[in-house]
Amino acid sequence: MSNTGGSSLTHHEGSQAGVSRPEKEWDKLESRMKNEERTIIIDKRFHGAIIGTRGVNIKEITSTFNKVRISFPERG
């Protein structure tokens, strides 16, 4: 598998029967992962390190991984 410019390509070799099942399993896994959402709670003392000076770290994270959403609880 290679990842070029945001598109993923896969190449399968073998008999049709040999690659049919793994391709179906791969398609199911890919579909499930596209719709997966996870919540990770990070201790408040690390928020500043994640944000970075003037938000540089959080900007880099969200631009590199465009599907990542980061939110912080309101103060108080």
Protein backbone atom coordinates (compact mmCIF):
# COMPACT_ATOMS: atom_id res chain seq x y z
CA MET A 1 0.00 0.00 0.00
CA SER A 2 1.25 3.48 -0.77
CA ASN A 3 -0.06 6.88 0.19
CA THR A 4 0.53 9.62 -2.36
CA GLY A 5 -0.94 13.07 -2.11
CA GLY A 6 -3.79 12.10 0.15
CA SER A 7 -5.03 9.14 -1.88
CA SER A 8 -4.43 5.57 -0.78
CA LEU A 9 -3.66 2.91 -3.37
CA THR A 10 -3.51 -0.81 -2.79
CA HIS A 11 -2.23 -3.55 -5.07
CA HIS A 12 -3.18 -7.21 -4.62
CA GLU A 13 -1.59 -10.10 -6.51
CA GLY A 14 -2.61 -13.73 -6.73
CA SER A 15 -5.46 -15.84 -7.94
CA GLN A 16 -8.89 -14.24 -7.95
CA ALA A 17 -10.03 -16.53 -5.17
CA GLY A 18 -6.88 -15.75 -3.19
CA VAL A 19 -7.30 -11.99 -3.26
CA SER A 20 -11.10 -11.71 -3.20
CA ARG A 21 -11.56 -12.36 0.52
CA PRO A 22 -8.72 -10.10 1.74
CA GLU A 23 -9.99 -7.31 -0.52
CA LYS A 24 -13.47 -7.58 1.00
CA GLU A 25 -12.02 -7.57 4.52
CA TRP A 26 -9.83 -4.56 3.66
CA ASP A 27 -12.86 -2.68 2.27
CA LYS A 28 -14.85 -3.37 5.47
CA LEU A 29 -11.95 -2.20 7.66
CA GLU A 30 -11.42 0.93 5.60
CA SER A 31 -15.11 1.81 5.70
CA ARG A 32 -15.27 1.31 9.47
CA MET A 33 -12.18 3.44 10.10
CA LYS A 34 -13.48 6.33 7.97
CA ASN A 35 -16.45 6.66 10.32
CA GLU A 36 -14.61 6.00 13.56
CA GLU A 37 -14.44 8.65 16.23
CA ARG A 38 -12.41 8.57 19.41
CA THR A 39 -12.33 10.83 22.41
CA ILE A 40 -9.06 11.14 24.25
CA ILE A 41 -8.98 13.06 27.51
CA ILE A 42 -5.64 14.73 28.19
CA ASP A 43 -4.78 16.09 31.61
CA LYS A 44 -5.16 19.86 31.91
CA ARG A 45 -1.48 20.35 32.71
CA PHE A 46 -0.55 19.26 29.15
CA HIS A 47 -2.96 21.59 27.32
CA GLY A 48 -0.33 24.33 26.96
CA ALA A 49 2.14 21.93 25.36
CA ILE A 50 -0.49 20.78 22.88
CA ILE A 51 -1.46 24.34 21.98
CA GLY A 52 2.13 25.60 21.79
CA THR A 53 3.32 29.18 21.64
CA ARG A 54 0.69 31.24 19.81
CA GLY A 55 -1.08 28.01 18.87
CA VAL A 56 1.69 26.75 16.57
CA ASN A 57 1.46 23.11 17.74
CA ILE A 58 -2.29 22.84 17.47
CA LYS A 59 -2.24 24.46 14.02
CA GLU A 60 0.35 21.94 12.85
CA ILE A 61 -1.64 18.99 14.21
CA THR A 62 -4.91 20.08 12.62
CA SER A 63 -3.30 20.91 9.26
CA THR A 64 -1.35 17.64 9.11
CA PHE A 65 -4.30 15.51 10.17
CA ASN A 66 -7.27 17.34 8.64
CA LYS A 67 -9.86 15.02 10.22
CA VAL A 68 -8.62 15.63 13.77
CA ARG A 69 -10.76 17.88 15.93
CA ILE A 70 -9.30 19.21 19.17
CA SER A 71 -11.43 20.92 21.77
CA PHE A 72 -10.76 22.06 25.29
CA PRO A 73 -13.29 22.37 28.11
CA GLU A 74 -14.40 25.83 29.07
CA ARG A 75 -12.64 27.36 32.03
CA GLY A 76 -14.33 26.91 35.34
